[in-house]
């Protein structure tokens, strides 16, 4: 049986991890709004406002921009299930945990997966991307723009340019980048970009934005065979978001209220100013961490995600015990490594409300005390 304390008084934590992130107060307030029906005129209008805000954040004019009712992994699966055919060749740029997850999903679609690999924490240069794609000539090229497991950022310009030369569709994991640093989907040349709500957008998890270029949508409409998934069929999903709003699933209005409030906050701040705020917070954090003896995993500053910082702890510091001390003494949550980096690094997020000088300094002071 649930106790009264458990059901109504969750503890207040400071989410300095790589996601979920903290939310603006207006996001919490928005979620308290009354429920409405899934075809209520107010709700349908709200959805269109959200789609417009997402286009701005993605840096795209794509009409086919909406949300997948799932976590970021659900959006990743939607991208793979819709655009990867059995027997097709999929080229994946692999240098982290989430590139490996895309590999697993493409393999389950019975694709022929080829991978260009780099050590975790590194990014791919233009020449090796072009050579790999020219050699393999795949139908689909997939990469992670902001690899949450390593803290490395790959804009994708060189990858997308090379993919265009062989007429391959380009799928980008923008789960971490959207809302806190440039995605620039149209400028980069991405055909399918998917993300999530609980990182750079600073919302609760549960809605995952996705955007499809006209080229990708035209391919999808002519897809030669039925896909194995029904719930994640983007052609069915789109019929709900556009007239005549055909029933597909039952959305959760509070999650949409939250996303609308978060996108309004981004619009009011200005997207470029928001990017700059996250960049400045990252620079301040990196400088402070180095003074405390932490070493960045991603060596070149231009290759780092601005709002997910990955570092090796000082010699003799057990990362799990250090994280436990931060949690017990300051209610601060940061994360350890994933996969081959488990037990070796710390992953620190300064997203949304936490991307300020004040919050960075508070974190650094707490870390100093816990050392």
Protein backbone atom coordinates (compact mmCIF):
# COMPACT_ATOMS: atom_id res chain seq x y z
CA UNK A 1 0.00 0.00 0.00
CA UNK A 2 1.25 3.51 -0.82
CA UNK A 3 1.79 5.75 2.17
CA UNK A 4 0.56 9.33 2.18
CA UNK A 5 4.14 10.61 2.23
CA UNK A 6 5.15 8.57 -0.79
CA UNK A 7 2.12 9.55 -2.85
CA UNK A 8 2.15 13.33 -2.42
CA UNK A 9 5.62 14.46 -1.32
CA UNK A 10 8.44 13.38 -3.63
CA UNK A 11 11.81 14.77 -2.52
CA UNK A 12 13.28 17.84 -4.16
CA UNK A 13 16.41 16.88 -6.06
CA UNK A 14 18.85 18.89 -8.14
CA UNK A 15 19.14 17.05 -11.44
CA UNK A 16 22.68 17.77 -12.61
CA UNK A 17 22.82 14.56 -14.63
CA UNK A 18 22.66 14.04 -18.42
CA UNK A 19 18.86 13.79 -18.25
CA UNK A 20 16.21 14.06 -17.02
CA UNK A 21 16.83 17.76 -16.50
CA UNK A 22 15.25 20.32 -14.23
CA UNK A 23 12.11 22.05 -15.49
CA UNK A 24 11.12 25.70 -15.37
CA UNK A 25 8.50 26.58 -12.70
CA UNK A 26 6.07 27.48 -15.50
CA UNK A 27 6.32 23.91 -16.78
CA UNK A 28 5.14 22.50 -13.45
CA UNK A 29 2.36 25.07 -13.32
CA UNK A 30 1.22 24.21 -16.83
CA UNK A 31 0.94 20.52 -15.98
CA UNK A 32 -1.66 21.31 -13.33
CA UNK A 33 -4.13 22.45 -16.01
CA UNK A 34 -7.39 20.53 -16.46
CA UNK A 35 -7.55 17.53 -18.75
CA UNK A 36 -9.28 17.89 -22.12
CA UNK A 37 -10.33 15.45 -24.80
CA UNK A 38 -8.00 14.35 -27.56
CA UNK A 39 -10.02 16.21 -30.22
CA UNK A 40 -10.82 19.25 -28.12
CA UNK A 41 -10.30 22.37 -30.32
CA UNK A 42 -8.07 23.89 -27.63
CA UNK A 43 -5.86 20.80 -27.53
CA UNK A 44 -5.58 20.51 -31.31
CA UNK A 45 -4.58 24.17 -31.54
CA UNK A 46 -2.02 23.68 -28.78
CA UNK A 47 -0.48 20.83 -30.73
CA UNK A 48 0.00 23.06 -33.76
CA UNK A 49 1.72 25.69 -31.59
CA UNK A 50 4.04 22.99 -30.25
CA UNK A 51 4.88 21.83 -33.76
CA UNK A 52 5.78 25.40 -34.75
CA UNK A 53 8.05 25.73 -31.71
CA UNK A 54 9.75 22.43 -32.48
CA UNK A 55 10.47 23.52 -36.05
CA UNK A 56 12.27 26.53 -34.66
CA UNK A 57 14.29 24.42 -32.23
CA UNK A 58 15.20 21.87 -34.91
CA UNK A 59 16.15 24.62 -37.35
CA UNK A 60 13.80 23.38 -40.04
CA UNK A 61 10.80 24.25 -42.18
CA UNK A 62 9.71 20.61 -42.33
CA UNK A 63 5.93 20.36 -42.27
CA UNK A 64 6.22 16.81 -40.94
CA UNK A 65 7.40 17.77 -37.48
CA UNK A 66 5.47 16.31 -34.55
CA UNK A 67 6.00 14.13 -31.46
CA UNK A 68 6.22 10.41 -30.89
CA UNK A 69 4.34 9.43 -27.70
CA UNK A 70 7.35 7.69 -26.15
CA UNK A 71 10.79 8.30 -24.70
CA UNK A 72 13.76 9.19 -26.87
CA UNK A 73 14.47 5.51 -27.41
CA UNK A 74 10.95 5.14 -28.77
CA UNK A 75 11.64 7.92 -31.27
CA UNK A 76 14.90 6.22 -32.22
CA UNK A 77 13.01 2.99 -32.83
CA UNK A 78 10.42 4.88 -34.89
CA UNK A 79 13.16 6.30 -37.10
CA UNK A 80 14.75 2.91 -37.63
CA UNK A 81 11.50 0.99 -38.10
CA UNK A 82 10.15 3.45 -40.67
CA UNK A 83 13.25 4.07 -42.77
CA UNK A 84 15.25 0.85 -42.56
CA UNK A 85 14.14 -1.96 -44.86
CA UNK A 86 15.08 -5.62 -44.41
CA UNK A 87 18.18 -6.30 -46.47
CA UNK A 88 19.06 -2.63 -46.90
CA UNK A 89 22.50 -1.33 -46.00
CA UNK A 90 22.73 1.04 -43.03
CA UNK A 91 25.96 2.88 -42.29
CA UNK A 92 26.39 3.93 -38.64
CA UNK A 93 29.02 6.25 -37.22
CA UNK A 94 29.76 4.55 -33.91
CA UNK A 95 31.62 6.18 -31.03
CA UNK A 96 29.33 5.72 -28.04
CA UNK A 97 26.53 3.88 -26.31
CA UNK A 98 23.66 5.36 -28.32
CA UNK A 99 25.27 4.63 -31.67
CA UNK A 100 25.42 1.04 -30.43
CA UNK A 101 21.70 1.25 -29.61
CA UNK A 102 20.94 2.43 -33.16
CA UNK A 103 23.01 -0.48 -34.42
CA UNK A 104 20.93 -2.93 -32.37
CA UNK A 105 17.68 -1.45 -33.68
CA UNK A 106 18.80 -1.48 -37.30
CA UNK A 107 19.93 -5.09 -36.89
CA UNK A 108 16.49 -6.02 -35.56
CA UNK A 109 15.04 -4.56 -38.76
CA UNK A 110 17.20 -7.17 -40.51
CA UNK A 111 19.36 -4.55 -42.19
CA UNK A 112 22.95 -5.06 -43.27
CA UNK A 113 24.74 -2.81 -40.80
CA UNK A 114 28.20 -1.43 -41.48
CA UNK A 115 29.98 0.69 -38.88
CA UNK A 116 32.76 3.23 -38.87
CA UNK A 117 34.14 3.20 -35.34
CA UNK A 118 36.11 5.66 -33.28
CA UNK A 119 37.19 5.48 -29.62
CA UNK A 120 34.43 6.71 -27.32
CA UNK A 121 34.74 10.45 -26.84
CA UNK A 122 36.09 11.19 -30.33
CA UNK A 123 34.31 12.55 -33.42
CA UNK A 124 34.65 11.78 -37.14
CA UNK A 125 36.41 14.04 -39.61
CA UNK A 126 35.13 14.95 -43.07
CA UNK A 127 37.62 12.84 -45.02
CA UNK A 128 36.99 9.58 -43.19
CA UNK A 129 33.22 10.15 -43.35
CA UNK A 130 33.34 10.68 -47.10
CA UNK A 131 35.59 7.66 -47.70
CA UNK A 132 33.40 5.38 -45.56
CA UNK A 133 30.16 6.37 -47.25
CA UNK A 134 31.64 6.27 -50.76
CA UNK A 135 33.05 2.80 -50.10
CA UNK A 136 29.88 1.34 -48.57
CA UNK A 137 27.23 3.26 -50.60
CA UNK A 138 24.42 2.61 -48.07
CA UNK A 139 20.73 3.42 -48.36
CA UNK A 140 20.66 4.96 -44.85
CA UNK A 141 23.34 6.82 -42.90
CA UNK A 142 22.87 7.28 -39.13
CA UNK A 143 24.87 9.24 -36.59
CA UNK A 144 24.52 10.69 -33.09
CA UNK A 145 24.79 14.46 -33.03
CA UNK A 146 25.28 14.74 -29.27
CA UNK A 147 26.46 11.44 -27.78
CA UNK A 148 25.13 11.48 -24.22
CA UNK A 149 27.39 8.65 -23.12
CA UNK A 150 30.61 10.49 -24.00
CA UNK A 151 29.79 14.20 -24.12
CA UNK A 152 30.96 14.48 -27.75
CA UNK A 153 29.17 16.67 -30.33
CA UNK A 154 29.19 15.93 -34.07
CA UNK A 155 27.25 18.49 -36.11
CA UNK A 156 26.90 16.03 -39.00
CA UNK A 157 27.64 18.46 -41.83
CA UNK A 158 30.36 16.34 -43.41
CA UNK A 159 28.41 13.13 -42.87
CA UNK A 160 25.22 14.49 -44.44
CA UNK A 161 27.12 15.99 -47.37
CA UNK A 162 28.78 12.66 -48.14
CA UNK A 163 25.47 10.80 -47.77
CA UNK A 164 23.87 13.09 -50.35
CA UNK A 165 26.51 12.02 -52.88
CA UNK A 166 25.21 8.44 -52.77
CA UNK A 167 21.53 9.42 -52.35
CA UNK A 168 21.31 7.99 -48.82
CA UNK A 169 18.80 9.14 -46.23
CA UNK A 170 20.40 10.74 -43.17
CA UNK A 171 19.09 9.90 -39.68
CA UNK A 172 20.38 11.93 -36.73
CA UNK A 173 19.98 11.27 -33.02
CA UNK A 174 19.48 14.78 -31.58
CA UNK A 175 18.16 13.52 -28.25
CA UNK A 176 20.60 15.63 -26.25
CA UNK A 177 21.30 18.55 -28.58
CA UNK A 178 17.75 19.81 -29.23
CA UNK A 179 16.93 22.94 -27.27
CA UNK A 180 20.37 23.61 -25.78
CA UNK A 181 22.75 23.79 -28.75
CA UNK A 182 22.49 23.95 -32.55
CA UNK A 183 20.74 21.15 -34.45
CA UNK A 184 20.27 23.17 -37.66
CA UNK A 185 18.55 20.32 -39.42
CA UNK A 186 17.99 21.98 -42.78
CA UNK A 187 21.41 23.60 -42.94
CA UNK A 188 23.23 20.40 -42.00
CA UNK A 189 21.19 18.27 -44.41
CA UNK A 190 19.49 15.85 -42.02
CA UNK A 191 16.47 13.95 -43.35
CA UNK A 192 15.19 12.45 -40.09
CA UNK A 193 15.95 13.98 -36.71
CA UNK A 194 14.55 12.60 -33.47
CA UNK A 195 14.90 13.85 -29.92
CA UNK A 196 13.29 13.74 -26.48
CA UNK A 197 11.60 16.12 -24.06
CA UNK A 198 13.62 15.67 -20.84
CA UNK A 199 17.02 17.06 -21.80
CA UNK A 200 17.62 20.32 -23.69
CA UNK A 201 13.91 21.16 -23.78
CA UNK A 202 13.66 20.80 -19.98
CA UNK A 203 10.32 18.97 -19.89
CA UNK A 204 9.19 15.72 -18.28
CA UNK A 205 9.93 12.59 -20.30
CA UNK A 206 7.25 11.02 -22.45
CA UNK A 207 7.04 13.03 -25.69
CA UNK A 208 9.79 12.76 -28.28
CA UNK A 209 9.99 15.27 -31.14
CA UNK A 210 10.70 14.00 -34.63
CA UNK A 211 11.09 15.90 -37.90
CA UNK A 212 11.13 14.51 -41.43
CA UNK A 213 12.40 16.29 -44.52
CA UNK A 214 10.16 16.39 -47.62
CA UNK A 215 12.58 13.90 -49.17
CA UNK A 216 12.19 11.51 -46.25
CA UNK A 217 8.41 11.85 -46.20
CA UNK A 218 8.18 11.19 -49.94
CA UNK A 219 10.26 8.03 -49.45
CA UNK A 220 8.06 6.92 -46.56
CA UNK A 221 4.85 7.37 -48.52
CA UNK A 222 6.28 5.09 -51.22
CA UNK A 223 7.80 2.58 -48.82
CA UNK A 224 7.64 -0.70 -50.76
CA UNK A 225 6.50 -2.93 -47.91
CA UNK A 226 4.53 -2.71 -44.67
CA UNK A 227 6.58 -2.20 -41.55
CA UNK A 228 6.51 -4.50 -38.55
CA UNK A 229 5.40 -1.86 -36.02
CA UNK A 230 1.91 -0.35 -35.84
CA UNK A 231 2.24 2.06 -32.92
CA UNK A 232 5.41 3.68 -34.28
CA UNK A 233 4.23 3.89 -37.91
CA UNK A 234 4.84 7.58 -38.61
CA UNK A 235 2.28 7.63 -41.42
CA UNK A 236 -0.43 6.63 -38.96
CA UNK A 237 0.83 9.06 -36.31
CA UNK A 238 0.78 11.98 -38.74
CA UNK A 239 -2.90 11.44 -39.47
CA UNK A 240 -3.67 12.35 -35.86
CA UNK A 241 -1.57 15.52 -35.80
CA UNK A 242 -3.01 16.82 -39.09
CA UNK A 243 -6.67 16.99 -40.17
CA UNK A 244 -8.84 15.02 -40.00
CA UNK A 245 -7.07 14.02 -36.72
CA UNK A 246 -7.71 10.30 -37.05
CA UNK A 247 -7.58 8.51 -33.70
CA UNK A 248 -4.29 6.69 -33.23
CA UNK A 249 -3.48 6.77 -29.50
CA UNK A 250 -4.61 8.60 -26.38
CA UNK A 251 -2.21 11.49 -25.69
CA UNK A 252 -1.49 12.80 -22.20
CA UNK A 253 -2.51 16.51 -22.22
CA UNK A 254 -0.30 17.49 -19.22
CA UNK A 255 2.80 16.45 -21.17
CA UNK A 256 1.73 18.67 -24.05
CA UNK A 257 1.01 21.55 -21.65
CA UNK A 258 4.54 21.10 -20.29
CA UNK A 259 6.16 21.08 -23.73
CA UNK A 260 4.22 24.16 -24.80
CA UNK A 261 5.35 26.05 -21.68
CA UNK A 262 8.97 24.99 -22.21
CA UNK A 263 8.93 26.04 -25.86
CA UNK A 264 7.43 29.39 -24.91
CA UNK A 265 10.29 29.88 -22.45
CA UNK A 266 12.78 29.15 -25.23
CA UNK A 267 11.03 31.54 -27.61
CA UNK A 268 11.01 34.34 -25.04
CA UNK A 269 14.68 33.88 -24.22
CA UNK A 270 15.66 33.53 -27.87
CA UNK A 271 17.16 30.35 -29.24
CA UNK A 272 20.63 31.77 -29.89
CA UNK A 273 20.73 33.43 -26.48
CA UNK A 274 19.76 30.11 -24.94
CA UNK A 275 22.57 28.37 -26.81
CA UNK A 276 25.01 31.03 -25.64
CA UNK A 277 23.86 30.63 -22.01
CA UNK A 278 24.51 26.90 -22.15
CA UNK A 279 27.91 27.45 -23.77
CA UNK A 280 29.00 29.95 -21.12
CA UNK A 281 27.83 27.64 -18.32
CA UNK A 282 29.83 24.81 -19.87
CA UNK A 283 32.99 26.90 -20.08
CA UNK A 284 32.63 27.93 -16.44
CA UNK A 285 32.03 24.34 -15.37
CA UNK A 286 35.01 22.95 -17.30
CA UNK A 287 37.34 25.59 -15.85
CA UNK A 288 36.16 24.85 -12.31
CA UNK A 289 36.39 21.08 -12.75
CA UNK A 290 39.95 21.31 -14.01
CA UNK A 291 40.89 23.33 -10.92
CA UNK A 292 39.47 20.49 -8.79
CA UNK A 293 41.58 17.91 -10.62
CA UNK A 294 38.98 16.46 -13.01
CA UNK A 295 40.10 15.67 -16.56
CA UNK A 296 37.73 16.06 -19.56
CA UNK A 297 37.05 12.90 -21.57
CA UNK A 298 36.54 14.87 -24.81
CA UNK A 299 39.92 16.47 -25.45
CA UNK A 300 39.08 19.22 -27.96
CA UNK A 301 36.80 21.94 -26.64
CA UNK A 302 35.05 22.33 -30.01
CA UNK A 303 33.97 18.68 -29.88
CA UNK A 304 32.21 18.92 -26.51
CA UNK A 305 28.50 19.03 -25.81
CA UNK A 306 27.83 22.29 -24.00
CA UNK A 307 25.37 20.94 -21.45
CA UNK A 308 26.62 17.38 -20.81
CA UNK A 309 30.19 17.43 -19.49
CA UNK A 310 32.13 14.19 -19.11
CA UNK A 311 35.20 13.98 -16.88
CA UNK A 312 37.54 11.50 -15.25
CA UNK A 313 37.68 12.01 -11.46
CA UNK A 314 40.98 12.82 -9.73
CA UNK A 315 43.27 9.92 -8.88
CA UNK A 316 42.06 7.99 -5.88
CA UNK A 317 38.45 9.22 -6.09
CA UNK A 318 35.84 6.48 -6.44
CA UNK A 319 33.19 7.91 -8.78
CA UNK A 320 30.29 5.93 -7.29
CA UNK A 321 31.14 6.96 -3.72
CA UNK A 322 31.64 10.56 -4.84
CA UNK A 323 28.20 10.62 -6.51
CA UNK A 324 26.67 9.10 -3.38
CA UNK A 325 28.18 11.85 -1.19
CA UNK A 326 26.83 14.57 -3.48
CA UNK A 327 23.38 13.00 -3.32
CA UNK A 328 23.35 12.48 0.44
CA UNK A 329 24.77 15.88 1.41
CA UNK A 330 23.36 18.20 -1.26
CA UNK A 331 20.51 16.31 -3.01
CA UNK A 332 22.57 16.61 -6.21
CA UNK A 333 22.24 13.88 -8.82
CA UNK A 334 25.00 13.41 -11.39
CA UNK A 335 25.60 10.26 -13.43
CA UNK A 336 28.32 7.72 -13.96
CA UNK A 337 29.44 6.27 -17.26
CA UNK A 338 27.63 3.84 -19.55
CA UNK A 339 28.98 0.76 -21.29
CA UNK A 340 32.75 0.69 -21.57
CA UNK A 341 32.96 3.94 -19.55
CA UNK A 342 30.98 2.59 -16.58
CA UNK A 343 32.83 3.23 -13.34
CA UNK A 344 35.38 5.46 -15.08
CA UNK A 345 33.78 8.86 -15.71
CA UNK A 346 31.21 11.30 -14.38
CA UNK A 347 28.52 12.80 -16.63
CA UNK A 348 27.34 16.22 -15.49
CA UNK A 349 24.40 18.09 -16.99
CA UNK A 350 23.85 21.84 -16.83
CA UNK A 351 20.60 22.11 -18.75
CA UNK A 352 17.82 24.64 -18.85
CA UNK A 353 17.41 26.35 -15.45
CA UNK A 354 20.78 25.00 -14.25
CA UNK A 355 22.80 26.63 -17.05
CA UNK A 356 23.67 29.75 -15.04
CA UNK A 357 26.75 31.03 -13.23
CA UNK A 358 24.98 30.66 -9.88
CA UNK A 359 24.02 27.02 -10.39
CA UNK A 360 27.41 26.08 -11.84
CA UNK A 361 29.20 27.67 -8.88
CA UNK A 362 26.88 25.90 -6.42
CA UNK A 363 27.68 22.55 -8.03
CA UNK A 364 31.42 23.20 -8.04
CA UNK A 365 31.36 24.20 -4.36
CA UNK A 366 29.42 21.04 -3.48
CA UNK A 367 31.87 18.89 -5.45
CA UNK A 368 34.79 20.59 -3.72
CA UNK A 369 33.33 19.76 -0.32
CA UNK A 370 32.65 16.14 -1.32
CA UNK A 371 36.25 15.63 -2.41
